[in-house]
Amino acid sequence: MQVVGDAVGQDGLALAGRGLADTTRLASSPPDIWRDIAKTNADEVGAALDALIARLQDLRRDLPAGDTLEEVFTEAARWRQRIKK
């Protein structure tokens, strides 16, 4: 949410829809709770951040072709179906 807010500002956020609000709802939770959660689980959070950074770098490199983006969305949809059951 910080990246989006910094990029578009108040005027841009006024145009945002429900999808952005839904995907960023954790941004409204108390930061001290997340600080403590991250600190307590530093090894796991660090590994997850490393994996996310690597995936984002893959996506960035593949922007012209779009194959990685397609793979990521296909896999993400498959995983999301698992939580809906």
C-alpha atoms as a PDB file:
ATOM      1  CA  MET A   1       0.000   0.000   0.000  1.00  0.00           C
ATOM      2  CA  GLN A   2       2.896   2.316   0.721  1.00  0.00           C
ATOM      3  CA  VAL A   3       4.270   1.866  -2.802  1.00  0.00           C
ATOM      4  CA  VAL A   4       0.871   2.525  -4.383  1.00  0.00           C
ATOM      5  CA  GLY A   5       0.117   5.515  -2.163  1.00  0.00           C
ATOM      6  CA  ASP A   6       3.518   7.070  -2.810  1.00  0.00           C
ATOM      7  CA  ALA A   7       3.097   6.524  -6.548  1.00  0.00           C
ATOM      8  CA  VAL A   8      -0.419   7.894  -7.043  1.00  0.00           C
ATOM      9  CA  GLY A   9      -1.077  10.125  -4.041  1.00  0.00           C
ATOM     10  CA  GLN A  10      -4.425  11.143  -2.621  1.00  0.00           C
ATOM     11  CA  ASP A  11      -5.943  11.966  -6.022  1.00  0.00           C
ATOM     12  CA  GLY A  12      -4.978   8.602  -7.481  1.00  0.00           C
ATOM     13  CA  LEU A  13      -6.277   6.719  -4.478  1.00  0.00           C
ATOM     14  CA  ALA A  14      -9.620   8.468  -4.895  1.00  0.00           C
ATOM     15  CA  LEU A  15      -9.964   6.481  -8.133  1.00  0.00           C
ATOM     16  CA  ALA A  16      -9.158   3.129  -6.510  1.00  0.00           C
ATOM     17  CA  GLY A  17     -11.777   0.444  -6.310  1.00  0.00           C
ATOM     18  CA  ARG A  18     -12.720  -2.268  -3.874  1.00  0.00           C
ATOM     19  CA  GLY A  19     -10.030  -4.631  -5.160  1.00  0.00           C
ATOM     20  CA  LEU A  20      -7.226  -2.402  -3.913  1.00  0.00           C
ATOM     21  CA  ALA A  21      -8.933  -1.998  -0.550  1.00  0.00           C
ATOM     22  CA  ASP A  22      -9.399  -5.772  -0.257  1.00  0.00           C
ATOM     23  CA  THR A  23      -5.810  -6.639  -1.175  1.00  0.00           C
ATOM     24  CA  THR A  24      -4.319  -4.052   1.169  1.00  0.00           C
ATOM     25  CA  ARG A  25      -6.505  -4.492   4.259  1.00  0.00           C
ATOM     26  CA  LEU A  26      -3.547  -5.512   6.446  1.00  0.00           C
ATOM     27  CA  ALA A  27      -2.103  -2.038   5.934  1.00  0.00           C
ATOM     28  CA  SER A  28      -4.740  -0.709   8.326  1.00  0.00           C
ATOM     29  CA  SER A  29      -3.679  -2.981  11.185  1.00  0.00           C
ATOM     30  CA  PRO A  30      -1.473  -1.727  14.036  1.00  0.00           C
ATOM     31  CA  PRO A  31       2.200  -1.692  12.971  1.00  0.00           C
ATOM     32  CA  ASP A  32       3.456  -2.767  16.400  1.00  0.00           C
ATOM     33  CA  ILE A  33       1.621  -6.077  16.059  1.00  0.00           C
ATOM     34  CA  TRP A  34       3.330  -6.770  12.726  1.00  0.00           C
ATOM     35  CA  ARG A  35       6.685  -5.624  14.088  1.00  0.00           C
ATOM     36  CA  ASP A  36       6.384  -8.210  16.855  1.00  0.00           C
ATOM     37  CA  ILE A  37       5.197 -10.926  14.471  1.00  0.00           C
ATOM     38  CA  ALA A  38       8.068 -10.216  12.072  1.00  0.00           C
ATOM     39  CA  LYS A  39      10.610 -10.118  14.904  1.00  0.00           C
ATOM     40  CA  THR A  40       9.371 -13.384  16.398  1.00  0.00           C
ATOM     41  CA  ASN A  41       9.424 -15.086  12.985  1.00  0.00           C
ATOM     42  CA  ALA A  42      12.452 -13.312  11.522  1.00  0.00           C
ATOM     43  CA  ASP A  43      13.939 -16.413   9.883  1.00  0.00           C
ATOM     44  CA  GLU A  44      10.699 -17.365   8.148  1.00  0.00           C
ATOM     45  CA  VAL A  45       9.816 -13.799   7.195  1.00  0.00           C
ATOM     46  CA  GLY A  46      13.331 -13.254   5.853  1.00  0.00           C
ATOM     47  CA  ALA A  47      13.121 -16.389   3.706  1.00  0.00           C
ATOM     48  CA  ALA A  48       9.691 -15.356   2.423  1.00  0.00           C
ATOM     49  CA  LEU A  49      10.981 -11.885   1.546  1.00  0.00           C
ATOM     50  CA  ASP A  50      13.954 -13.413  -0.276  1.00  0.00           C
ATOM     51  CA  ALA A  51      11.577 -15.628  -2.289  1.00  0.00           C
ATOM     52  CA  LEU A  52       9.312 -12.666  -3.075  1.00  0.00           C
ATOM     53  CA  ILE A  53      12.242 -10.508  -4.167  1.00  0.00           C
ATOM     54  CA  ALA A  54      13.518 -13.286  -6.428  1.00  0.00           C
ATOM     55  CA  ARG A  55      10.061 -13.736  -7.995  1.00  0.00           C
ATOM     56  CA  LEU A  56       9.692  -9.984  -8.541  1.00  0.00           C
ATOM     57  CA  GLN A  57      13.112  -9.916 -10.225  1.00  0.00           C
ATOM     58  CA  ASP A  58      12.011 -12.799 -12.477  1.00  0.00           C
ATOM     59  CA  LEU A  59       8.851 -10.875 -13.378  1.00  0.00           C
ATOM     60  CA  ARG A  60      10.833  -7.710 -14.073  1.00  0.00           C
ATOM     61  CA  ARG A  61      13.265  -9.513 -16.396  1.00  0.00           C
ATOM     62  CA  ASP A  62      10.440 -11.205 -18.279  1.00  0.00           C
ATOM     63  CA  LEU A  63       8.197  -8.152 -18.809  1.00  0.00           C
ATOM     64  CA  PRO A  64       8.740  -8.025 -22.585  1.00  0.00           C
ATOM     65  CA  ALA A  65       7.692 -11.653 -23.058  1.00  0.00           C
ATOM     66  CA  GLY A  66       5.190 -12.026 -20.238  1.00  0.00           C
ATOM     67  CA  ASP A  67       5.688 -15.770 -19.854  1.00  0.00           C
ATOM     68  CA  THR A  68       6.664 -15.538 -16.188  1.00  0.00           C
ATOM     69  CA  LEU A  69       3.657 -13.359 -15.419  1.00  0.00           C
ATOM     70  CA  GLU A  70       1.382 -15.933 -16.990  1.00  0.00           C
ATOM     71  CA  GLU A  71       3.011 -18.715 -14.966  1.00  0.00           C
ATOM     72  CA  VAL A  72       2.734 -16.743 -11.729  1.00  0.00           C
ATOM     73  CA  PHE A  73      -0.949 -15.957 -12.220  1.00  0.00           C
ATOM     74  CA  THR A  74      -1.736 -19.536 -13.239  1.00  0.00           C
ATOM     75  CA  GLU A  75      -0.032 -20.914 -10.142  1.00  0.00           C
ATOM     76  CA  ALA A  76      -1.524 -18.222  -7.899  1.00  0.00           C
ATOM     77  CA  ALA A  77      -5.026 -19.060  -9.123  1.00  0.00           C
ATOM     78  CA  ARG A  78      -4.398 -22.738  -8.465  1.00  0.00           C
ATOM     79  CA  TRP A  79      -3.250 -22.030  -4.907  1.00  0.00           C
ATOM     80  CA  ARG A  80      -6.101 -19.602  -4.237  1.00  0.00           C
ATOM     81  CA  GLN A  81      -8.637 -22.262  -5.207  1.00  0.00           C
ATOM     82  CA  ARG A  82      -7.230 -24.376  -2.368  1.00  0.00           C
ATOM     83  CA  ILE A  83      -8.166 -21.793   0.274  1.00  0.00           C
ATOM     84  CA  LYS A  84     -11.704 -21.445  -1.077  1.00  0.00           C
ATOM     85  CA  LYS A  85     -12.497 -25.142  -0.466  1.00  0.00           C
END
